[in-house]
């Protein structure tokens, strides 16, 4: 019985350990509450970074779609003219390289009698991956004042379906930090 429980716990740890970690931060103005706004619209999106591909526009549209869905679920309507709240999105995608350092005890070649043999420890690339950060700012349109800002960042999956799920999860978590 104990072995079965331990194997279920191990399986649970492996499943949660493989899910992408999204870090969310938010900073509201002291007097900001989303309930004081009825409509919203988007600014143009700015995107940058070494890992940004040429076809990033559909991914920006995915971000806008999810932010709109979350704001509409909280009672706001998206309009094209005279919104109460303006939403500014910033995106940064960076290409990263995971490395490991060679170890003399395990990676050094066997000494076969050459003189003046030297061996140096060095960084060896293990994998390439992309990290992404999305910043979302809410601006009070009538006062032209920043009333809330938040960021979500994490490692981006290569799979399009997993990316969609991660965007939905990250934006949902980010908007949950907006004071009602």
C-alpha atoms as a PDB file:
ATOM      1  CA  UNK A   1       0.000   0.000   0.000  1.00  0.00           C
ATOM      2  CA  UNK A   2       2.827   2.410   0.893  1.00  0.00           C
ATOM      3  CA  UNK A   3       4.543   1.698  -2.420  1.00  0.00           C
ATOM      4  CA  UNK A   4       1.374   2.518  -4.343  1.00  0.00           C
ATOM      5  CA  UNK A   5       0.951   5.841  -2.492  1.00  0.00           C
ATOM      6  CA  UNK A   6       4.614   6.717  -2.997  1.00  0.00           C
ATOM      7  CA  UNK A   7       4.399   5.919  -6.713  1.00  0.00           C
ATOM      8  CA  UNK A   8       1.305   8.178  -7.052  1.00  0.00           C
ATOM      9  CA  UNK A   9       3.132  10.990  -5.247  1.00  0.00           C
ATOM     10  CA  UNK A  10       6.175  10.542  -7.498  1.00  0.00           C
ATOM     11  CA  UNK A  11       3.964  10.607 -10.585  1.00  0.00           C
ATOM     12  CA  UNK A  12       2.267  13.806  -9.325  1.00  0.00           C
ATOM     13  CA  UNK A  13       5.649  15.456  -8.699  1.00  0.00           C
ATOM     14  CA  UNK A  14       6.870  14.523 -12.179  1.00  0.00           C
ATOM     15  CA  UNK A  15       3.687  15.855 -13.799  1.00  0.00           C
ATOM     16  CA  UNK A  16       3.820  19.186 -11.959  1.00  0.00           C
ATOM     17  CA  UNK A  17       7.580  19.483 -12.438  1.00  0.00           C
ATOM     18  CA  UNK A  18       7.200  19.293 -16.231  1.00  0.00           C
ATOM     19  CA  UNK A  19       4.508  21.955 -16.475  1.00  0.00           C
ATOM     20  CA  UNK A  20       5.767  25.410 -17.498  1.00  0.00           C
ATOM     21  CA  UNK A  21       6.396  27.860 -14.675  1.00  0.00           C
ATOM     22  CA  UNK A  22       4.915  31.296 -15.234  1.00  0.00           C
ATOM     23  CA  UNK A  23       6.016  34.155 -13.011  1.00  0.00           C
ATOM     24  CA  UNK A  24       3.446  36.931 -12.584  1.00  0.00           C
ATOM     25  CA  UNK A  25       3.893  40.348 -10.964  1.00  0.00           C
ATOM     26  CA  UNK A  26       1.448  43.241 -10.756  1.00  0.00           C
ATOM     27  CA  UNK A  27       1.395  46.783  -9.470  1.00  0.00           C
ATOM     28  CA  UNK A  28      -1.912  48.699  -9.233  1.00  0.00           C
ATOM     29  CA  UNK A  29      -2.392  52.367  -8.428  1.00  0.00           C
ATOM     30  CA  UNK A  30      -3.726  52.793  -4.878  1.00  0.00           C
ATOM     31  CA  UNK A  31      -7.191  53.937  -6.005  1.00  0.00           C
ATOM     32  CA  UNK A  32      -7.605  51.635  -9.045  1.00  0.00           C
ATOM     33  CA  UNK A  33     -10.536  49.202  -9.275  1.00  0.00           C
ATOM     34  CA  UNK A  34     -11.597  47.575 -12.522  1.00  0.00           C
ATOM     35  CA  UNK A  35     -15.269  47.995 -11.562  1.00  0.00           C
ATOM     36  CA  UNK A  36     -14.889  51.745 -12.227  1.00  0.00           C
ATOM     37  CA  UNK A  37     -14.424  51.078 -15.965  1.00  0.00           C
ATOM     38  CA  UNK A  38     -16.891  49.860 -18.579  1.00  0.00           C
ATOM     39  CA  UNK A  39     -14.981  49.814 -21.901  1.00  0.00           C
ATOM     40  CA  UNK A  40     -11.470  49.098 -23.165  1.00  0.00           C
ATOM     41  CA  UNK A  41      -9.380  49.194 -26.349  1.00  0.00           C
ATOM     42  CA  UNK A  42      -5.830  48.162 -27.288  1.00  0.00           C
ATOM     43  CA  UNK A  43      -2.831  50.302 -28.170  1.00  0.00           C
ATOM     44  CA  UNK A  44      -0.544  49.029 -30.925  1.00  0.00           C
ATOM     45  CA  UNK A  45       1.668  46.242 -29.616  1.00  0.00           C
ATOM     46  CA  UNK A  46       5.440  46.625 -29.371  1.00  0.00           C
ATOM     47  CA  UNK A  47       7.507  43.463 -29.631  1.00  0.00           C
ATOM     48  CA  UNK A  48      11.273  42.940 -29.514  1.00  0.00           C
ATOM     49  CA  UNK A  49      13.995  40.442 -28.670  1.00  0.00           C
ATOM     50  CA  UNK A  50      16.458  38.096 -30.301  1.00  0.00           C
ATOM     51  CA  UNK A  51      14.047  35.165 -30.220  1.00  0.00           C
ATOM     52  CA  UNK A  52      11.172  36.898 -31.988  1.00  0.00           C
ATOM     53  CA  UNK A  53      10.335  35.163 -35.254  1.00  0.00           C
ATOM     54  CA  UNK A  54       8.998  36.792 -38.404  1.00  0.00           C
ATOM     55  CA  UNK A  55       5.521  35.332 -37.856  1.00  0.00           C
ATOM     56  CA  UNK A  56       4.895  36.840 -34.418  1.00  0.00           C
ATOM     57  CA  UNK A  57       1.706  38.722 -35.412  1.00  0.00           C
ATOM     58  CA  UNK A  58      -0.635  35.705 -34.885  1.00  0.00           C
ATOM     59  CA  UNK A  59       0.855  35.224 -31.414  1.00  0.00           C
ATOM     60  CA  UNK A  60       0.215  38.899 -30.599  1.00  0.00           C
ATOM     61  CA  UNK A  61      -3.374  38.417 -31.777  1.00  0.00           C
ATOM     62  CA  UNK A  62      -3.601  35.413 -29.434  1.00  0.00           C
ATOM     63  CA  UNK A  63      -2.481  37.623 -26.530  1.00  0.00           C
ATOM     64  CA  UNK A  64      -5.019  40.317 -27.423  1.00  0.00           C
ATOM     65  CA  UNK A  65      -7.778  37.731 -27.798  1.00  0.00           C
ATOM     66  CA  UNK A  66      -7.064  36.227 -24.377  1.00  0.00           C
ATOM     67  CA  UNK A  67      -6.766  39.603 -22.626  1.00  0.00           C
ATOM     68  CA  UNK A  68     -10.056  40.680 -24.232  1.00  0.00           C
ATOM     69  CA  UNK A  69     -11.733  37.451 -23.120  1.00  0.00           C
ATOM     70  CA  UNK A  70     -10.522  37.886 -19.536  1.00  0.00           C
ATOM     71  CA  UNK A  71     -11.583  41.549 -19.374  1.00  0.00           C
ATOM     72  CA  UNK A  72     -14.986  40.745 -20.883  1.00  0.00           C
ATOM     73  CA  UNK A  73     -15.430  38.016 -18.273  1.00  0.00           C
ATOM     74  CA  UNK A  74     -14.867  40.746 -15.665  1.00  0.00           C
ATOM     75  CA  UNK A  75     -17.623  42.936 -17.160  1.00  0.00           C
ATOM     76  CA  UNK A  76     -15.835  45.237 -19.628  1.00  0.00           C
ATOM     77  CA  UNK A  77     -16.740  45.725 -23.304  1.00  0.00           C
ATOM     78  CA  UNK A  78     -14.229  46.178 -26.107  1.00  0.00           C
ATOM     79  CA  UNK A  79     -14.889  49.310 -28.194  1.00  0.00           C
ATOM     80  CA  UNK A  80     -13.039  51.103 -30.961  1.00  0.00           C
ATOM     81  CA  UNK A  81     -13.786  54.718 -29.980  1.00  0.00           C
ATOM     82  CA  UNK A  82     -13.534  56.554 -26.642  1.00  0.00           C
ATOM     83  CA  UNK A  83     -12.687  53.650 -24.318  1.00  0.00           C
ATOM     84  CA  UNK A  84     -12.478  54.193 -20.566  1.00  0.00           C
ATOM     85  CA  UNK A  85      -9.379  52.010 -20.327  1.00  0.00           C
ATOM     86  CA  UNK A  86      -6.514  51.638 -22.803  1.00  0.00           C
ATOM     87  CA  UNK A  87      -4.542  48.381 -22.784  1.00  0.00           C
ATOM     88  CA  UNK A  88      -0.871  48.520 -23.749  1.00  0.00           C
ATOM     89  CA  UNK A  89       0.972  45.244 -24.400  1.00  0.00           C
ATOM     90  CA  UNK A  90       4.730  44.823 -24.615  1.00  0.00           C
ATOM     91  CA  UNK A  91       6.381  41.553 -25.657  1.00  0.00           C
ATOM     92  CA  UNK A  92      10.015  40.476 -25.370  1.00  0.00           C
ATOM     93  CA  UNK A  93      11.213  37.067 -26.595  1.00  0.00           C
ATOM     94  CA  UNK A  94      14.823  36.028 -26.091  1.00  0.00           C
ATOM     95  CA  UNK A  95      16.732  33.044 -27.430  1.00  0.00           C
ATOM     96  CA  UNK A  96      18.582  31.299 -24.583  1.00  0.00           C
ATOM     97  CA  UNK A  97      21.195  28.541 -24.424  1.00  0.00           C
ATOM     98  CA  UNK A  98      21.400  26.103 -21.536  1.00  0.00           C
ATOM     99  CA  UNK A  99      24.971  24.974 -20.886  1.00  0.00           C
ATOM    100  CA  UNK A 100      26.820  22.660 -18.582  1.00  0.00           C
ATOM    101  CA  UNK A 101      30.424  22.800 -17.513  1.00  0.00           C
ATOM    102  CA  UNK A 102      32.697  19.898 -18.359  1.00  0.00           C
ATOM    103  CA  UNK A 103      34.101  18.076 -15.363  1.00  0.00           C
ATOM    104  CA  UNK A 104      37.680  16.822 -15.196  1.00  0.00           C
ATOM    105  CA  UNK A 105      36.663  13.734 -13.227  1.00  0.00           C
ATOM    106  CA  UNK A 106      34.136  12.501 -15.810  1.00  0.00           C
ATOM    107  CA  UNK A 107      34.794  14.276 -19.115  1.00  0.00           C
ATOM    108  CA  UNK A 108      38.564  14.292 -19.447  1.00  0.00           C
ATOM    109  CA  UNK A 109      40.079  11.886 -21.986  1.00  0.00           C
ATOM    110  CA  UNK A 110      42.194   9.026 -20.664  1.00  0.00           C
ATOM    111  CA  UNK A 111      45.893   9.910 -20.451  1.00  0.00           C
ATOM    112  CA  UNK A 112      47.820   7.733 -22.890  1.00  0.00           C
ATOM    113  CA  UNK A 113      51.356   8.968 -22.441  1.00  0.00           C
ATOM    114  CA  UNK A 114      51.613  12.272 -24.314  1.00  0.00           C
ATOM    115  CA  UNK A 115      53.820  14.852 -22.697  1.00  0.00           C
ATOM    116  CA  UNK A 116      52.637  18.335 -21.841  1.00  0.00           C
ATOM    117  CA  UNK A 117      49.011  17.238 -21.850  1.00  0.00           C
ATOM    118  CA  UNK A 118      46.539  19.875 -20.687  1.00  0.00           C
ATOM    119  CA  UNK A 119      42.805  19.778 -20.215  1.00  0.00           C
ATOM    120  CA  UNK A 120      40.516  22.744 -19.681  1.00  0.00           C
ATOM    121  CA  UNK A 121      37.038  22.902 -18.289  1.00  0.00           C
ATOM    122  CA  UNK A 122      34.578  24.602 -20.653  1.00  0.00           C
ATOM    123  CA  UNK A 123      30.891  25.360 -21.144  1.00  0.00           C
ATOM    124  CA  UNK A 124      29.076  22.899 -23.419  1.00  0.00           C
ATOM    125  CA  UNK A 125      25.698  23.852 -24.971  1.00  0.00           C
ATOM    126  CA  UNK A 126      22.972  21.403 -23.942  1.00  0.00           C
ATOM    127  CA  UNK A 127      19.808  22.912 -25.465  1.00  0.00           C
ATOM    128  CA  UNK A 128      18.355  26.052 -27.004  1.00  0.00           C
ATOM    129  CA  UNK A 129      15.061  27.514 -25.798  1.00  0.00           C
ATOM    130  CA  UNK A 130      13.090  30.773 -25.776  1.00  0.00           C
ATOM    131  CA  UNK A 131      11.948  32.840 -22.825  1.00  0.00           C
ATOM    132  CA  UNK A 132       9.136  35.317 -23.140  1.00  0.00           C
ATOM    133  CA  UNK A 133       7.831  38.224 -21.112  1.00  0.00           C
ATOM    134  CA  UNK A 134       4.531  40.022 -21.614  1.00  0.00           C
ATOM    135  CA  UNK A 135       3.871  43.332 -19.911  1.00  0.00           C
ATOM    136  CA  UNK A 136       0.317  44.652 -19.775  1.00  0.00           C
ATOM    137  CA  UNK A 137      -0.439  48.251 -18.798  1.00  0.00           C
ATOM    138  CA  UNK A 138      -3.897  49.734 -18.156  1.00  0.00           C
ATOM    139  CA  UNK A 139      -4.147  53.450 -18.824  1.00  0.00           C
ATOM    140  CA  UNK A 140      -7.046  55.631 -17.727  1.00  0.00           C
ATOM    141  CA  UNK A 141      -7.975  57.244 -21.047  1.00  0.00           C
ATOM    142  CA  UNK A 142      -9.559  60.412 -19.658  1.00  0.00           C
ATOM    143  CA  UNK A 143      -6.580  61.253 -17.398  1.00  0.00           C
ATOM    144  CA  UNK A 144      -3.902  59.579 -19.592  1.00  0.00           C
ATOM    145  CA  UNK A 145      -2.561  57.937 -16.436  1.00  0.00           C
ATOM    146  CA  UNK A 146      -1.127  54.477 -15.797  1.00  0.00           C
ATOM    147  CA  UNK A 147      -3.460  52.763 -13.307  1.00  0.00           C
ATOM    148  CA  UNK A 148      -2.211  49.150 -13.361  1.00  0.00           C
ATOM    149  CA  UNK A 149       0.706  47.208 -14.754  1.00  0.00           C
ATOM    150  CA  UNK A 150       1.580  43.550 -14.690  1.00  0.00           C
ATOM    151  CA  UNK A 151       4.035  41.136 -16.233  1.00  0.00           C
ATOM    152  CA  UNK A 152       4.021  37.426 -16.941  1.00  0.00           C
ATOM    153  CA  UNK A 153       7.163  35.600 -17.960  1.00  0.00           C
ATOM    154  CA  UNK A 154       8.266  32.049 -18.569  1.00  0.00           C
ATOM    155  CA  UNK A 155       9.881  29.559 -20.915  1.00  0.00           C
ATOM    156  CA  UNK A 156       8.017  29.271 -24.213  1.00  0.00           C
ATOM    157  CA  UNK A 157       7.132  25.838 -25.580  1.00  0.00           C
ATOM    158  CA  UNK A 158       7.838  25.057 -29.249  1.00  0.00           C
ATOM    159  CA  UNK A 159       4.491  23.325 -29.722  1.00  0.00           C
ATOM    160  CA  UNK A 160       1.733  25.721 -30.916  1.00  0.00           C
ATOM    161  CA  UNK A 161      -1.027  24.025 -28.893  1.00  0.00           C
ATOM    162  CA  UNK A 162       1.056  24.125 -25.705  1.00  0.00           C
ATOM    163  CA  UNK A 163       1.911  27.779 -26.379  1.00  0.00           C
ATOM    164  CA  UNK A 164      -1.802  28.604 -26.673  1.00  0.00           C
ATOM    165  CA  UNK A 165      -2.502  26.830 -23.369  1.00  0.00           C
ATOM    166  CA  UNK A 166       0.385  28.642 -21.676  1.00  0.00           C
ATOM    167  CA  UNK A 167      -0.804  32.029 -22.960  1.00  0.00           C
ATOM    168  CA  UNK A 168      -4.332  31.320 -21.720  1.00  0.00           C
ATOM    169  CA  UNK A 169      -3.057  30.220 -18.321  1.00  0.00           C
ATOM    170  CA  UNK A 170      -0.611  33.137 -17.984  1.00  0.00           C
ATOM    171  CA  UNK A 171      -3.078  35.860 -19.007  1.00  0.00           C
ATOM    172  CA  UNK A 172      -5.800  34.387 -16.794  1.00  0.00           C
ATOM    173  CA  UNK A 173      -3.407  34.431 -13.843  1.00  0.00           C
ATOM    174  CA  UNK A 174      -2.200  37.940 -14.717  1.00  0.00           C
ATOM    175  CA  UNK A 175      -5.717  39.414 -14.976  1.00  0.00           C
ATOM    176  CA  UNK A 176      -6.682  37.688 -11.718  1.00  0.00           C
ATOM    177  CA  UNK A 177      -4.260  40.106 -10.018  1.00  0.00           C
ATOM    178  CA  UNK A 178      -6.258  43.122 -11.252  1.00  0.00           C
ATOM    179  CA  UNK A 179      -8.292  44.594  -8.360  1.00  0.00           C
ATOM    180  CA  UNK A 180     -12.027  44.215  -8.991  1.00  0.00           C
END
